[in-house]
Amino acid sequence: MAQRAILLIPVIRVNQRGARYVTGLDHGDTMTTLELRRHLAELVEERSLALVSGLAGVDSYMADLDQELEACRQLYVGSAVTEIATLRAELFGPQLG
């Protein structure tokens, strides 16, 4: 059975000087590893389209997209490693020591 990753979405605020800061985490939807992989592929495609369509010049858009790409990439890797470790433990028992 596929495990679901809980998406923690940073709550980002901007102060009067324009500096961004995280005030906490908001719980988003849950996604399986496969769903995370699909979402990551969609984000990569969106970034490619942005580069060829002229949106690459919109710094705030590209920064947000790059931040979402990195967060999704980290979630996907963590979810995949957890799934592999879980399967290994189910097949061969938990590692102790």
C-alpha atoms as a PDB file:
ATOM      1  CA  MET A   1       0.000   0.000   0.000  1.00  0.00           C
ATOM      2  CA  ALA A   2       1.417   3.368  -0.990  1.00  0.00           C
ATOM      3  CA  GLN A   3       2.187   5.741   1.818  1.00  0.00           C
ATOM      4  CA  ARG A   4       1.063   9.330   1.636  1.00  0.00           C
ATOM      5  CA  ALA A   5       3.347  12.294   2.266  1.00  0.00           C
ATOM      6  CA  ILE A   6       1.879  15.247   4.119  1.00  0.00           C
ATOM      7  CA  LEU A   7       2.677  18.473   2.350  1.00  0.00           C
ATOM      8  CA  LEU A   8       3.821  21.163   4.750  1.00  0.00           C
ATOM      9  CA  ILE A   9       3.387  24.496   3.062  1.00  0.00           C
ATOM     10  CA  PRO A  10       5.479  27.369   4.441  1.00  0.00           C
ATOM     11  CA  VAL A  11       3.435  30.395   5.420  1.00  0.00           C
ATOM     12  CA  ILE A  12       5.495  33.251   4.011  1.00  0.00           C
ATOM     13  CA  ARG A  13       5.027  36.853   5.031  1.00  0.00           C
ATOM     14  CA  VAL A  14       6.710  39.968   3.637  1.00  0.00           C
ATOM     15  CA  ASN A  15       7.790  42.751   5.986  1.00  0.00           C
ATOM     16  CA  GLN A  16       7.718  46.481   5.198  1.00  0.00           C
ATOM     17  CA  ARG A  17      11.191  46.338   3.639  1.00  0.00           C
ATOM     18  CA  GLY A  18      10.139  43.555   1.271  1.00  0.00           C
ATOM     19  CA  ALA A  19      12.050  40.792   3.065  1.00  0.00           C
ATOM     20  CA  ARG A  20      10.308  37.413   3.137  1.00  0.00           C
ATOM     21  CA  TYR A  21      10.139  35.288   6.259  1.00  0.00           C
ATOM     22  CA  VAL A  22       8.398  32.066   7.262  1.00  0.00           C
ATOM     23  CA  THR A  23       5.891  32.349  10.095  1.00  0.00           C
ATOM     24  CA  GLY A  24       4.950  28.689  10.291  1.00  0.00           C
ATOM     25  CA  LEU A  25       3.805  25.678   8.335  1.00  0.00           C
ATOM     26  CA  ASP A  26       0.350  24.962   7.021  1.00  0.00           C
ATOM     27  CA  HIS A  27      -0.784  21.389   6.417  1.00  0.00           C
ATOM     28  CA  GLY A  28      -1.684  20.864   2.798  1.00  0.00           C
ATOM     29  CA  ASP A  29      -3.021  17.824   0.999  1.00  0.00           C
ATOM     30  CA  THR A  30      -1.377  14.424   1.147  1.00  0.00           C
ATOM     31  CA  MET A  31       0.208  12.846  -1.923  1.00  0.00           C
ATOM     32  CA  THR A  32       1.654   9.444  -2.705  1.00  0.00           C
ATOM     33  CA  THR A  33       5.190   9.114  -4.027  1.00  0.00           C
ATOM     34  CA  LEU A  34       3.820   8.591  -7.521  1.00  0.00           C
ATOM     35  CA  GLU A  35       1.669  11.724  -7.250  1.00  0.00           C
ATOM     36  CA  LEU A  36       4.703  13.685  -6.049  1.00  0.00           C
ATOM     37  CA  ARG A  37       6.695  12.411  -9.036  1.00  0.00           C
ATOM     38  CA  ARG A  38       3.945  13.488 -11.438  1.00  0.00           C
ATOM     39  CA  HIS A  39       3.697  16.901  -9.788  1.00  0.00           C
ATOM     40  CA  LEU A  40       7.464  17.324 -10.012  1.00  0.00           C
ATOM     41  CA  ALA A  41       7.355  16.492 -13.727  1.00  0.00           C
ATOM     42  CA  GLU A  42       4.572  19.056 -14.194  1.00  0.00           C
ATOM     43  CA  LEU A  43       6.638  21.714 -12.431  1.00  0.00           C
ATOM     44  CA  VAL A  44       9.675  20.937 -14.598  1.00  0.00           C
ATOM     45  CA  GLU A  45       7.473  21.256 -17.678  1.00  0.00           C
ATOM     46  CA  GLU A  46       6.011  24.533 -16.388  1.00  0.00           C
ATOM     47  CA  ARG A  47       9.527  25.908 -15.867  1.00  0.00           C
ATOM     48  CA  SER A  48      10.547  24.891 -19.397  1.00  0.00           C
ATOM     49  CA  LEU A  49       7.472  26.577 -20.837  1.00  0.00           C
ATOM     50  CA  ALA A  50       8.182  29.700 -18.799  1.00  0.00           C
ATOM     51  CA  LEU A  51      11.688  29.888 -20.252  1.00  0.00           C
ATOM     52  CA  VAL A  52      10.492  29.711 -23.862  1.00  0.00           C
ATOM     53  CA  SER A  53       7.420  31.929 -23.402  1.00  0.00           C
ATOM     54  CA  GLY A  54       9.197  34.932 -21.955  1.00  0.00           C
ATOM     55  CA  LEU A  55       8.090  34.479 -18.352  1.00  0.00           C
ATOM     56  CA  ALA A  56      11.711  33.907 -17.358  1.00  0.00           C
ATOM     57  CA  GLY A  57      11.996  37.681 -17.056  1.00  0.00           C
ATOM     58  CA  VAL A  58       9.387  37.794 -14.276  1.00  0.00           C
ATOM     59  CA  ASP A  59      11.695  37.365 -11.299  1.00  0.00           C
ATOM     60  CA  SER A  60       9.001  36.818  -8.671  1.00  0.00           C
ATOM     61  CA  TYR A  61       7.302  34.112 -10.763  1.00  0.00           C
ATOM     62  CA  MET A  62      10.551  32.279 -11.460  1.00  0.00           C
ATOM     63  CA  ALA A  63      11.650  32.530  -7.809  1.00  0.00           C
ATOM     64  CA  ASP A  64       8.335  31.072  -6.624  1.00  0.00           C
ATOM     65  CA  LEU A  65       8.472  28.328  -9.247  1.00  0.00           C
ATOM     66  CA  ASP A  66      12.067  27.439  -8.361  1.00  0.00           C
ATOM     67  CA  GLN A  67      11.171  27.364  -4.660  1.00  0.00           C
ATOM     68  CA  GLU A  68       8.205  25.071  -5.327  1.00  0.00           C
ATOM     69  CA  LEU A  69      10.358  22.848  -7.553  1.00  0.00           C
ATOM     70  CA  GLU A  70      12.989  22.439  -4.834  1.00  0.00           C
ATOM     71  CA  ALA A  71      10.389  21.728  -2.146  1.00  0.00           C
ATOM     72  CA  CYS A  72       8.653  19.155  -4.354  1.00  0.00           C
ATOM     73  CA  ARG A  73      11.981  17.544  -5.250  1.00  0.00           C
ATOM     74  CA  GLN A  74      12.873  17.188  -1.562  1.00  0.00           C
ATOM     75  CA  LEU A  75       9.442  15.766  -0.714  1.00  0.00           C
ATOM     76  CA  TYR A  76       9.679  13.276  -3.580  1.00  0.00           C
ATOM     77  CA  VAL A  77      13.125  12.038  -2.580  1.00  0.00           C
ATOM     78  CA  GLY A  78      12.133  11.724   1.080  1.00  0.00           C
ATOM     79  CA  SER A  79       8.938   9.905   0.188  1.00  0.00           C
ATOM     80  CA  ALA A  80      10.716   7.511  -2.190  1.00  0.00           C
ATOM     81  CA  VAL A  81      13.414   6.684   0.374  1.00  0.00           C
ATOM     82  CA  THR A  82      10.750   6.074   3.026  1.00  0.00           C
ATOM     83  CA  GLU A  83       8.837   3.793   0.675  1.00  0.00           C
ATOM     84  CA  ILE A  84      11.999   1.808  -0.125  1.00  0.00           C
ATOM     85  CA  ALA A  85      12.893   1.478   3.563  1.00  0.00           C
ATOM     86  CA  THR A  86       9.347   0.396   4.429  1.00  0.00           C
ATOM     87  CA  LEU A  87       9.323  -2.242   1.705  1.00  0.00           C
ATOM     88  CA  ARG A  88      12.719  -3.525   2.817  1.00  0.00           C
ATOM     89  CA  ALA A  89      11.523  -3.770   6.420  1.00  0.00           C
ATOM     90  CA  GLU A  90       8.386  -5.633   5.313  1.00  0.00           C
ATOM     91  CA  LEU A  91      10.434  -8.095   3.272  1.00  0.00           C
ATOM     92  CA  PHE A  92      13.398  -8.659   5.556  1.00  0.00           C
ATOM     93  CA  GLY A  93      12.360  -7.284   8.931  1.00  0.00           C
ATOM     94  CA  PRO A  94      13.438  -4.052  10.552  1.00  0.00           C
ATOM     95  CA  GLN A  95      17.143  -3.315  10.835  1.00  0.00           C
ATOM     96  CA  LEU A  96      18.324  -3.224  14.404  1.00  0.00           C
ATOM     97  CA  GLY A  97      21.637  -2.085  15.799  1.00  0.00           C
END
